[in-house]
Amino acid sequence: MPWISKQLSDELPLDVHTCFTLAAYNAGLGHLKDARNLALKQGLNSNRCFGHVEKAFLLLSRPKYYKKARYAYVRGIEPVTYIKKIQALFELYSNKQQEEA
């Protein structure tokens, strides 16, 4: 994961950088690049995770989109679900720690 993290721009906000690192860890850096490129083509923000690159990942499961992508098909639901689960657990643990403090 540190190698993947270093491949991403340092200019991304920490939450987006983390989201993209997790997505690339789960689906591959090439598929993240495809999703970000597709997000731009769809008029979405390629530097935002949820509601933007997330939507593009889901589209890359469809032939209409993955046939034009450099790295081809990806089960887009996999990285999206993976990131959402980690985010939910992080929030749960963070809230738990705040309650105990």
PDB file of N, CA and C in Angstrom:
ATOM      1  N   MET A   1       0.807  -1.197   0.000  1.00  0.00           N
ATOM      2  CA  MET A   1       0.000   0.000   0.000  1.00  0.00           C
ATOM      3  C   MET A   1       0.849   1.259   0.000  1.00  0.00           C
ATOM      4  N   PRO A   2       1.996   1.286   0.681  1.00  0.00           N
ATOM      5  CA  PRO A   2       2.812   2.498   0.594  1.00  0.00           C
ATOM      6  C   PRO A   2       3.240   2.815  -0.848  1.00  0.00           C
ATOM      7  N   TRP A   3       3.555   1.772  -1.625  1.00  0.00           N
ATOM      8  CA  TRP A   3       3.945   2.015  -3.012  1.00  0.00           C
ATOM      9  C   TRP A   3       2.795   2.630  -3.791  1.00  0.00           C
ATOM     10  N   ILE A   4       1.593   2.087  -3.606  1.00  0.00           N
ATOM     11  CA  ILE A   4       0.411   2.623  -4.294  1.00  0.00           C
ATOM     12  C   ILE A   4       0.195   4.068  -3.881  1.00  0.00           C
ATOM     13  N   SER A   5       0.277   4.337  -2.606  1.00  0.00           N
ATOM     14  CA  SER A   5       0.071   5.687  -2.095  1.00  0.00           C
ATOM     15  C   SER A   5       1.027   6.684  -2.734  1.00  0.00           C
ATOM     16  N   LYS A   6       2.264   6.267  -2.933  1.00  0.00           N
ATOM     17  CA  LYS A   6       3.272   7.155  -3.540  1.00  0.00           C
ATOM     18  C   LYS A   6       2.988   7.441  -5.010  1.00  0.00           C
ATOM     19  N   GLN A   7       2.206   6.596  -5.659  1.00  0.00           N
ATOM     20  CA  GLN A   7       1.881   6.801  -7.068  1.00  0.00           C
ATOM     21  C   GLN A   7       0.818   7.878  -7.265  1.00  0.00           C
ATOM     22  N   LEU A   8       0.146   8.247  -6.194  1.00  0.00           N
ATOM     23  CA  LEU A   8      -0.923   9.239  -6.263  1.00  0.00           C
ATOM     24  C   LEU A   8      -0.408  10.623  -5.919  1.00  0.00           C
ATOM     25  N   SER A   9      -1.095  11.629  -6.399  1.00  0.00           N
ATOM     26  CA  SER A   9      -0.706  13.013  -6.170  1.00  0.00           C
ATOM     27  C   SER A   9      -0.759  13.379  -4.694  1.00  0.00           C
ATOM     28  N   ASP A  10       0.252  14.070  -4.243  1.00  0.00           N
ATOM     29  CA  ASP A  10       0.270  14.570  -2.870  1.00  0.00           C
ATOM     30  C   ASP A  10      -0.707  15.736  -2.690  1.00  0.00           C
ATOM     31  N   GLU A  11      -1.195  16.258  -3.808  1.00  0.00           N
ATOM     32  CA  GLU A  11      -2.105  17.403  -3.743  1.00  0.00           C
ATOM     33  C   GLU A  11      -3.550  17.007  -3.420  1.00  0.00           C
ATOM     34  N   LEU A  12      -3.829  15.713  -3.456  1.00  0.00           N
ATOM     35  CA  LEU A  12      -5.173  15.257  -3.114  1.00  0.00           C
ATOM     36  C   LEU A  12      -5.408  15.423  -1.609  1.00  0.00           C
ATOM     37  N   PRO A  13      -6.623  15.785  -1.207  1.00  0.00           N
ATOM     38  CA  PRO A  13      -6.933  15.813   0.225  1.00  0.00           C
ATOM     39  C   PRO A  13      -6.718  14.420   0.820  1.00  0.00           C
ATOM     40  N   LEU A  14      -6.389  14.362   2.080  1.00  0.00           N
ATOM     41  CA  LEU A  14      -6.055  13.100   2.730  1.00  0.00           C
ATOM     42  C   LEU A  14      -7.165  12.057   2.583  1.00  0.00           C
ATOM     43  N   ASP A  15      -8.427  12.452   2.754  1.00  0.00           N
ATOM     44  CA  ASP A  15      -9.512  11.478   2.646  1.00  0.00           C
ATOM     45  C   ASP A  15      -9.614  10.903   1.232  1.00  0.00           C
ATOM     46  N   VAL A  16      -9.395  11.721   0.218  1.00  0.00           N
ATOM     47  CA  VAL A  16      -9.450  11.254  -1.172  1.00  0.00           C
ATOM     48  C   VAL A  16      -8.233  10.385  -1.471  1.00  0.00           C
ATOM     49  N   HIS A  17      -7.079  10.816  -1.002  1.00  0.00           N
ATOM     50  CA  HIS A  17      -5.841  10.044  -1.194  1.00  0.00           C
ATOM     51  C   HIS A  17      -5.994   8.653  -0.580  1.00  0.00           C
ATOM     52  N   THR A  18      -6.559   8.602   0.600  1.00  0.00           N
ATOM     53  CA  THR A  18      -6.792   7.317   1.276  1.00  0.00           C
ATOM     54  C   THR A  18      -7.792   6.464   0.487  1.00  0.00           C
ATOM     55  N   CYS A  19      -8.866   7.067   0.052  1.00  0.00           N
ATOM     56  CA  CYS A  19      -9.883   6.359  -0.720  1.00  0.00           C
ATOM     57  C   CYS A  19      -9.281   5.788  -1.998  1.00  0.00           C
ATOM     58  N   PHE A  20      -8.510   6.588  -2.719  1.00  0.00           N
ATOM     59  CA  PHE A  20      -7.899   6.129  -3.970  1.00  0.00           C
ATOM     60  C   PHE A  20      -6.846   5.051  -3.717  1.00  0.00           C
ATOM     61  N   THR A  21      -6.120   5.164  -2.626  1.00  0.00           N
ATOM     62  CA  THR A  21      -5.133   4.135  -2.280  1.00  0.00           C
ATOM     63  C   THR A  21      -5.836   2.808  -2.029  1.00  0.00           C
ATOM     64  N   LEU A  22      -6.918   2.841  -1.283  1.00  0.00           N
ATOM     65  CA  LEU A  22      -7.688   1.625  -1.008  1.00  0.00           C
ATOM     66  C   LEU A  22      -8.293   1.042  -2.286  1.00  0.00           C
ATOM     67  N   ALA A  23      -8.810   1.902  -3.141  1.00  0.00           N
ATOM     68  CA  ALA A  23      -9.402   1.436  -4.398  1.00  0.00           C
ATOM     69  C   ALA A  23      -8.349   0.766  -5.274  1.00  0.00           C
ATOM     70  N   ALA A  24      -7.181   1.386  -5.362  1.00  0.00           N
ATOM     71  CA  ALA A  24      -6.095   0.818  -6.178  1.00  0.00           C
ATOM     72  C   ALA A  24      -5.565  -0.472  -5.558  1.00  0.00           C
ATOM     73  N   TYR A  25      -5.525  -0.539  -4.255  1.00  0.00           N
ATOM     74  CA  TYR A  25      -5.100  -1.766  -3.579  1.00  0.00           C
ATOM     75  C   TYR A  25      -6.061  -2.902  -3.909  1.00  0.00           C
ATOM     76  N   ASN A  26      -7.346  -2.590  -3.936  1.00  0.00           N
ATOM     77  CA  ASN A  26      -8.363  -3.606  -4.169  1.00  0.00           C
ATOM     78  C   ASN A  26      -8.498  -3.984  -5.648  1.00  0.00           C
ATOM     79  N   ALA A  27      -8.504  -2.996  -6.535  1.00  0.00           N
ATOM     80  CA  ALA A  27      -8.805  -3.250  -7.948  1.00  0.00           C
ATOM     81  C   ALA A  27      -7.607  -3.111  -8.876  1.00  0.00           C
ATOM     82  N   GLY A  28      -6.552  -2.479  -8.383  1.00  0.00           N
ATOM     83  CA  GLY A  28      -5.373  -2.250  -9.211  1.00  0.00           C
ATOM     84  C   GLY A  28      -5.251  -0.783  -9.590  1.00  0.00           C
ATOM     85  N   LEU A  29      -4.031  -0.315  -9.669  1.00  0.00           N
ATOM     86  CA  LEU A  29      -3.767   1.090  -9.987  1.00  0.00           C
ATOM     87  C   LEU A  29      -4.270   1.443 -11.384  1.00  0.00           C
ATOM     88  N   GLY A  30      -4.131   0.526 -12.322  1.00  0.00           N
ATOM     89  CA  GLY A  30      -4.612   0.776 -13.679  1.00  0.00           C
ATOM     90  C   GLY A  30      -6.111   1.005 -13.732  1.00  0.00           C
ATOM     91  N   HIS A  31      -6.854   0.226 -12.975  1.00  0.00           N
ATOM     92  CA  HIS A  31      -8.309   0.395 -12.947  1.00  0.00           C
ATOM     93  C   HIS A  31      -8.697   1.712 -12.270  1.00  0.00           C
ATOM     94  N   LEU A  32      -7.926   2.120 -11.267  1.00  0.00           N
ATOM     95  CA  LEU A  32      -8.182   3.432 -10.666  1.00  0.00           C
ATOM     96  C   LEU A  32      -7.960   4.527 -11.707  1.00  0.00           C
ATOM     97  N   LYS A  33      -6.890   4.413 -12.477  1.00  0.00           N
ATOM     98  CA  LYS A  33      -6.619   5.400 -13.535  1.00  0.00           C
ATOM     99  C   LYS A  33      -7.761   5.417 -14.544  1.00  0.00           C
ATOM    100  N   ASP A  34      -8.227   4.237 -14.954  1.00  0.00           N
ATOM    101  CA  ASP A  34      -9.366   4.170 -15.874  1.00  0.00           C
ATOM    102  C   ASP A  34     -10.595   4.849 -15.283  1.00  0.00           C
ATOM    103  N   ALA A  35     -10.868   4.585 -14.020  1.00  0.00           N
ATOM    104  CA  ALA A  35     -12.048   5.165 -13.370  1.00  0.00           C
ATOM    105  C   ALA A  35     -11.939   6.686 -13.288  1.00  0.00           C
ATOM    106  N   ARG A  36     -10.749   7.176 -12.981  1.00  0.00           N
ATOM    107  CA  ARG A  36     -10.568   8.628 -12.908  1.00  0.00           C
ATOM    108  C   ARG A  36     -10.723   9.265 -14.286  1.00  0.00           C
ATOM    109  N   ASN A  37     -10.188   8.620 -15.309  1.00  0.00           N
ATOM    110  CA  ASN A  37     -10.337   9.135 -16.678  1.00  0.00           C
ATOM    111  C   ASN A  37     -11.802   9.114 -17.110  1.00  0.00           C
ATOM    112  N   LEU A  38     -12.498   8.030 -16.798  1.00  0.00           N
ATOM    113  CA  LEU A  38     -13.904   7.935 -17.147  1.00  0.00           C
ATOM    114  C   LEU A  38     -14.728   8.975 -16.393  1.00  0.00           C
ATOM    115  N   ALA A  39     -14.378   9.216 -15.150  1.00  0.00           N
ATOM    116  CA  ALA A  39     -15.082  10.242 -14.376  1.00  0.00           C
ATOM    117  C   ALA A  39     -15.007  11.586 -15.106  1.00  0.00           C
ATOM    118  N   LEU A  40     -13.830  11.935 -15.595  1.00  0.00           N
ATOM    119  CA  LEU A  40     -13.675  13.188 -16.346  1.00  0.00           C
ATOM    120  C   LEU A  40     -14.568  13.203 -17.579  1.00  0.00           C
ATOM    121  N   LYS A  41     -14.567  12.105 -18.305  1.00  0.00           N
ATOM    122  CA  LYS A  41     -15.383  12.015 -19.528  1.00  0.00           C
ATOM    123  C   LYS A  41     -16.877  12.110 -19.218  1.00  0.00           C
ATOM    124  N   GLN A  42     -17.257  11.702 -18.033  1.00  0.00           N
ATOM    125  CA  GLN A  42     -18.664  11.745 -17.614  1.00  0.00           C
ATOM    126  C   GLN A  42     -19.042  13.089 -16.994  1.00  0.00           C
ATOM    127  N   GLY A  43     -18.089  14.016 -16.936  1.00  0.00           N
ATOM    128  CA  GLY A  43     -18.361  15.323 -16.345  1.00  0.00           C
ATOM    129  C   GLY A  43     -18.300  15.317 -14.829  1.00  0.00           C
ATOM    130  N   LEU A  44     -17.677  14.278 -14.282  1.00  0.00           N
ATOM    131  CA  LEU A  44     -17.518  14.161 -12.834  1.00  0.00           C
ATOM    132  C   LEU A  44     -16.132  14.657 -12.432  1.00  0.00           C
ATOM    133  N   ASN A  45     -15.925  14.820 -11.161  1.00  0.00           N
ATOM    134  CA  ASN A  45     -14.638  15.288 -10.648  1.00  0.00           C
ATOM    135  C   ASN A  45     -13.724  14.087 -10.418  1.00  0.00           C
ATOM    136  N   SER A  46     -12.618  14.024 -11.134  1.00  0.00           N
ATOM    137  CA  SER A  46     -11.697  12.887 -11.015  1.00  0.00           C
ATOM    138  C   SER A  46     -10.841  12.955  -9.759  1.00  0.00           C
ATOM    139  N   ASN A  47     -10.997  14.006  -8.988  1.00  0.00           N
ATOM    140  CA  ASN A  47     -10.262  14.154  -7.731  1.00  0.00           C
ATOM    141  C   ASN A  47     -11.173  14.010  -6.518  1.00  0.00           C
ATOM    142  N   ARG A  48     -12.356  13.440  -6.730  1.00  0.00           N
ATOM    143  CA  ARG A  48     -13.282  13.170  -5.631  1.00  0.00           C
ATOM    144  C   ARG A  48     -13.669  11.707  -5.688  1.00  0.00           C
ATOM    145  N   CYS A  49     -13.752  11.101  -4.553  1.00  0.00           N
ATOM    146  CA  CYS A  49     -14.012   9.666  -4.482  1.00  0.00           C
ATOM    147  C   CYS A  49     -15.499   9.370  -4.589  1.00  0.00           C
ATOM    148  N   PHE A  50     -16.231   9.597  -3.525  1.00  0.00           N
ATOM    149  CA  PHE A  50     -17.643   9.229  -3.475  1.00  0.00           C
ATOM    150  C   PHE A  50     -18.488  10.144  -4.347  1.00  0.00           C
ATOM    151  N   GLY A  51     -19.359   9.518  -5.125  1.00  0.00           N
ATOM    152  CA  GLY A  51     -20.235  10.261  -6.016  1.00  0.00           C
ATOM    153  C   GLY A  51     -19.580  10.670  -7.320  1.00  0.00           C
ATOM    154  N   HIS A  52     -18.306  10.396  -7.483  1.00  0.00           N
ATOM    155  CA  HIS A  52     -17.595  10.781  -8.700  1.00  0.00           C
ATOM    156  C   HIS A  52     -16.814   9.594  -9.265  1.00  0.00           C
ATOM    157  N   VAL A  53     -15.606   9.359  -8.774  1.00  0.00           N
ATOM    158  CA  VAL A  53     -14.818   8.222  -9.248  1.00  0.00           C
ATOM    159  C   VAL A  53     -15.522   6.916  -8.886  1.00  0.00           C
ATOM    160  N   GLU A  54     -16.217   6.919  -7.786  1.00  0.00           N
ATOM    161  CA  GLU A  54     -17.020   5.756  -7.392  1.00  0.00           C
ATOM    162  C   GLU A  54     -18.003   5.380  -8.510  1.00  0.00           C
ATOM    163  N   LYS A  55     -18.714   6.363  -9.059  1.00  0.00           N
ATOM    164  CA  LYS A  55     -19.665   6.110 -10.140  1.00  0.00           C
ATOM    165  C   LYS A  55     -18.962   5.560 -11.377  1.00  0.00           C
ATOM    166  N   ALA A  56     -17.782   6.094 -11.668  1.00  0.00           N
ATOM    167  CA  ALA A  56     -17.023   5.633 -12.829  1.00  0.00           C
ATOM    168  C   ALA A  56     -16.586   4.180 -12.649  1.00  0.00           C
ATOM    169  N   PHE A  57     -16.168   3.806 -11.443  1.00  0.00           N
ATOM    170  CA  PHE A  57     -15.814   2.405 -11.170  1.00  0.00           C
ATOM    171  C   PHE A  57     -16.995   1.489 -11.500  1.00  0.00           C
ATOM    172  N   LEU A  58     -18.173   1.881 -11.105  1.00  0.00           N
ATOM    173  CA  LEU A  58     -19.352   1.058 -11.364  1.00  0.00           C
ATOM    174  C   LEU A  58     -19.633   0.935 -12.863  1.00  0.00           C
ATOM    175  N   LEU A  59     -19.388   2.002 -13.612  1.00  0.00           N
ATOM    176  CA  LEU A  59     -19.586   1.963 -15.062  1.00  0.00           C
ATOM    177  C   LEU A  59     -18.601   1.029 -15.760  1.00  0.00           C
ATOM    178  N   LEU A  60     -17.420   0.862 -15.185  1.00  0.00           N
ATOM    179  CA  LEU A  60     -16.396   0.025 -15.816  1.00  0.00           C
ATOM    180  C   LEU A  60     -16.737  -1.467 -15.780  1.00  0.00           C
ATOM    181  N   SER A  61     -17.875  -1.812 -15.252  1.00  0.00           N
ATOM    182  CA  SER A  61     -18.366  -3.186 -15.317  1.00  0.00           C
ATOM    183  C   SER A  61     -19.208  -3.407 -16.578  1.00  0.00           C
ATOM    184  N   ARG A  62     -19.502  -2.338 -17.276  1.00  0.00           N
ATOM    185  CA  ARG A  62     -20.351  -2.413 -18.465  1.00  0.00           C
ATOM    186  C   ARG A  62     -19.496  -2.378 -19.736  1.00  0.00           C
ATOM    187  N   PRO A  63     -19.803  -3.240 -20.704  1.00  0.00           N
ATOM    188  CA  PRO A  63     -19.008  -3.292 -21.941  1.00  0.00           C
ATOM    189  C   PRO A  63     -18.877  -1.939 -22.650  1.00  0.00           C
ATOM    190  N   LYS A  64     -19.922  -1.157 -22.632  1.00  0.00           N
ATOM    191  CA  LYS A  64     -19.903   0.153 -23.288  1.00  0.00           C
ATOM    192  C   LYS A  64     -18.732   1.009 -22.800  1.00  0.00           C
ATOM    193  N   TYR A  65     -18.371   0.852 -21.540  1.00  0.00           N
ATOM    194  CA  TYR A  65     -17.321   1.662 -20.941  1.00  0.00           C
ATOM    195  C   TYR A  65     -15.979   0.930 -20.867  1.00  0.00           C
ATOM    196  N   TYR A  66     -15.983  -0.333 -20.446  1.00  0.00           N
ATOM    197  CA  TYR A  66     -14.700  -1.007 -20.275  1.00  0.00           C
ATOM    198  C   TYR A  66     -14.016  -1.332 -21.594  1.00  0.00           C
ATOM    199  N   LYS A  67     -14.765  -1.413 -22.679  1.00  0.00           N
ATOM    200  CA  LYS A  67     -14.133  -1.679 -23.980  1.00  0.00           C
ATOM    201  C   LYS A  67     -13.276  -0.507 -24.447  1.00  0.00           C
ATOM    202  N   LYS A  68     -13.552   0.673 -23.917  1.00  0.00           N
ATOM    203  CA  LYS A  68     -12.782   1.871 -24.271  1.00  0.00           C
ATOM    204  C   LYS A  68     -11.698   2.186 -23.243  1.00  0.00           C
ATOM    205  N   ALA A  69     -11.661   1.442 -22.152  1.00  0.00           N
ATOM    206  CA  ALA A  69     -10.703   1.698 -21.066  1.00  0.00           C
ATOM    207  C   ALA A  69      -9.386   0.982 -21.346  1.00  0.00           C
ATOM    208  N   ARG A  70      -8.314   1.562 -20.923  1.00  0.00           N
ATOM    209  CA  ARG A  70      -6.991   0.974 -21.146  1.00  0.00           C
ATOM    210  C   ARG A  70      -6.845  -0.378 -20.450  1.00  0.00           C
ATOM    211  N   TYR A  71      -7.318  -0.469 -19.222  1.00  0.00           N
ATOM    212  CA  TYR A  71      -7.137  -1.690 -18.438  1.00  0.00           C
ATOM    213  C   TYR A  71      -8.369  -2.590 -18.452  1.00  0.00           C
ATOM    214  N   ALA A  72      -9.367  -2.234 -19.247  1.00  0.00           N
ATOM    215  CA  ALA A  72     -10.542  -3.057 -19.529  1.00  0.00           C
ATOM    216  C   ALA A  72     -11.458  -3.262 -18.323  1.00  0.00           C
ATOM    217  N   TYR A  73     -12.079  -4.430 -18.286  1.00  0.00           N
ATOM    218  CA  TYR A  73     -13.126  -4.745 -17.317  1.00  0.00           C
ATOM    219  C   TYR A  73     -12.609  -4.756 -15.880  1.00  0.00           C
ATOM    220  N   VAL A  74     -13.451  -4.241 -15.004  1.00  0.00           N
ATOM    221  CA  VAL A  74     -13.216  -4.358 -13.567  1.00  0.00           C
ATOM    222  C   VAL A  74     -14.572  -4.529 -12.895  1.00  0.00           C
ATOM    223  N   ARG A  75     -14.606  -5.393 -11.914  1.00  0.00           N
ATOM    224  CA  ARG A  75     -15.844  -5.531 -11.127  1.00  0.00           C
ATOM    225  C   ARG A  75     -15.923  -4.321 -10.213  1.00  0.00           C
ATOM    226  N   GLY A  76     -16.472  -3.247 -10.731  1.00  0.00           N
ATOM    227  CA  GLY A  76     -16.483  -1.964 -10.035  1.00  0.00           C
ATOM    228  C   GLY A  76     -17.112  -1.982  -8.664  1.00  0.00           C
ATOM    229  N   ILE A  77     -18.052  -2.883  -8.459  1.00  0.00           N
ATOM    230  CA  ILE A  77     -18.710  -2.953  -7.153  1.00  0.00           C
ATOM    231  C   ILE A  77     -17.728  -3.378  -6.063  1.00  0.00           C
ATOM    232  N   GLU A  78     -16.703  -4.138  -6.445  1.00  0.00           N
ATOM    233  CA  GLU A  78     -15.731  -4.635  -5.454  1.00  0.00           C
ATOM    234  C   GLU A  78     -14.986  -3.492  -4.744  1.00  0.00           C
ATOM    235  N   PRO A  79     -14.282  -2.607  -5.468  1.00  0.00           N
ATOM    236  CA  PRO A  79     -13.585  -1.529  -4.754  1.00  0.00           C
ATOM    237  C   PRO A  79     -14.539  -0.564  -4.062  1.00  0.00           C
ATOM    238  N   VAL A  80     -15.704  -0.334  -4.665  1.00  0.00           N
ATOM    239  CA  VAL A  80     -16.676   0.571  -4.049  1.00  0.00           C
ATOM    240  C   VAL A  80     -17.142   0.011  -2.709  1.00  0.00           C
ATOM    241  N   THR A  81     -17.492  -1.256  -2.682  1.00  0.00           N
ATOM    242  CA  THR A  81     -17.936  -1.907  -1.439  1.00  0.00           C
ATOM    243  C   THR A  81     -16.806  -1.956  -0.420  1.00  0.00           C
ATOM    244  N   TYR A  82     -15.617  -2.288  -0.869  1.00  0.00           N
ATOM    245  CA  TYR A  82     -14.437  -2.376  -0.013  1.00  0.00           C
ATOM    246  C   TYR A  82     -14.187  -1.050   0.705  1.00  0.00           C
ATOM    247  N   ILE A  83     -14.198   0.026  -0.046  1.00  0.00           N
ATOM    248  CA  ILE A  83     -13.934   1.351   0.533  1.00  0.00           C
ATOM    249  C   ILE A  83     -15.045   1.745   1.510  1.00  0.00           C
ATOM    250  N   LYS A  84     -16.282   1.503   1.131  1.00  0.00           N
ATOM    251  CA  LYS A  84     -17.400   1.871   2.015  1.00  0.00           C
ATOM    252  C   LYS A  84     -17.367   1.092   3.325  1.00  0.00           C
ATOM    253  N   LYS A  85     -16.985  -0.186   3.265  1.00  0.00           N
ATOM    254  CA  LYS A  85     -16.884  -0.982   4.492  1.00  0.00           C
ATOM    255  C   LYS A  85     -15.787  -0.438   5.402  1.00  0.00           C
ATOM    256  N   ILE A  86     -14.647  -0.122   4.829  1.00  0.00           N
ATOM    257  CA  ILE A  86     -13.544   0.410   5.633  1.00  0.00           C
ATOM    258  C   ILE A  86     -13.921   1.761   6.219  1.00  0.00           C
ATOM    259  N   GLN A  87     -14.569   2.607   5.425  1.00  0.00           N
ATOM    260  CA  GLN A  87     -14.997   3.917   5.914  1.00  0.00           C
ATOM    261  C   GLN A  87     -15.990   3.755   7.061  1.00  0.00           C
ATOM    262  N   ALA A  88     -16.937   2.848   6.924  1.00  0.00           N
ATOM    263  CA  ALA A  88     -17.934   2.629   7.981  1.00  0.00           C
ATOM    264  C   ALA A  88     -17.279   2.134   9.260  1.00  0.00           C
ATOM    265  N   LEU A  89     -16.330   1.209   9.127  1.00  0.00           N
ATOM    266  CA  LEU A  89     -15.624   0.714  10.314  1.00  0.00           C
ATOM    267  C   LEU A  89     -14.795   1.810  10.976  1.00  0.00           C
ATOM    268  N   PHE A  90     -14.142   2.625  10.155  1.00  0.00           N
ATOM    269  CA  PHE A  90     -13.349   3.729  10.688  1.00  0.00           C
ATOM    270  C   PHE A  90     -14.235   4.684  11.488  1.00  0.00           C
ATOM    271  N   GLU A  91     -15.381   5.038  10.927  1.00  0.00           N
ATOM    272  CA  GLU A  91     -16.300   5.940  11.621  1.00  0.00           C
ATOM    273  C   GLU A  91     -16.829   5.310  12.906  1.00  0.00           C
ATOM    274  N   LEU A  92     -17.140   4.029  12.855  1.00  0.00           N
ATOM    275  CA  LEU A  92     -17.617   3.316  14.037  1.00  0.00           C
ATOM    276  C   LEU A  92     -16.573   3.350  15.152  1.00  0.00           C
ATOM    277  N   TYR A  93     -15.342   3.016  14.814  1.00  0.00           N
ATOM    278  CA  TYR A  93     -14.270   3.008  15.815  1.00  0.00           C
ATOM    279  C   TYR A  93     -13.960   4.417  16.319  1.00  0.00           C
ATOM    280  N   SER A  94     -13.996   5.399  15.417  1.00  0.00           N
ATOM    281  CA  SER A  94     -13.734   6.782  15.825  1.00  0.00           C
ATOM    282  C   SER A  94     -14.799   7.264  16.807  1.00  0.00           C
ATOM    283  N   ASN A  95     -16.064   6.972  16.500  1.00  0.00           N
ATOM    284  CA  ASN A  95     -17.156   7.367  17.395  1.00  0.00           C
ATOM    285  C   ASN A  95     -17.056   6.655  18.740  1.00  0.00           C
ATOM    286  N   LYS A  96     -16.662   5.388  18.704  1.00  0.00           N
ATOM    287  CA  LYS A  96     -16.511   4.600  19.929  1.00  0.00           C
ATOM    288  C   LYS A  96     -15.433   5.211  20.826  1.00  0.00           C
ATOM    289  N   GLN A  97     -14.328   5.618  20.220  1.00  0.00           N
ATOM    290  CA  GLN A  97     -13.239   6.223  20.987  1.00  0.00           C
ATOM    291  C   GLN A  97     -13.675   7.558  21.582  1.00  0.00           C
ATOM    292  N   GLN A  98     -14.428   8.324  20.825  1.00  0.00           N
ATOM    293  CA  GLN A  98     -14.913   9.621  21.340  1.00  0.00           C
ATOM    294  C   GLN A  98     -15.860   9.417  22.508  1.00  0.00           C
ATOM    295  N   GLU A  99     -16.682   8.401  22.448  1.00  0.00           N
ATOM    296  CA  GLU A  99     -17.614   8.106  23.543  1.00  0.00           C
ATOM    297  C   GLU A  99     -16.882   7.684  24.803  1.00  0.00           C
ATOM    298  N   GLU A 100     -15.780   6.978  24.630  1.00  0.00           N
ATOM    299  CA  GLU A 100     -15.015   6.484  25.787  1.00  0.00           C
ATOM    300  C   GLU A 100     -14.121   7.553  26.397  1.00  0.00           C
ATOM    301  N   ALA A 101     -13.866   8.612  25.637  1.00  0.00           N
ATOM    302  CA  ALA A 101     -12.961   9.674  26.126  1.00  0.00           C
ATOM    303  C   ALA A 101     -13.641  10.596  27.103  1.00  0.00           C
TER     304      ALA A 101
END
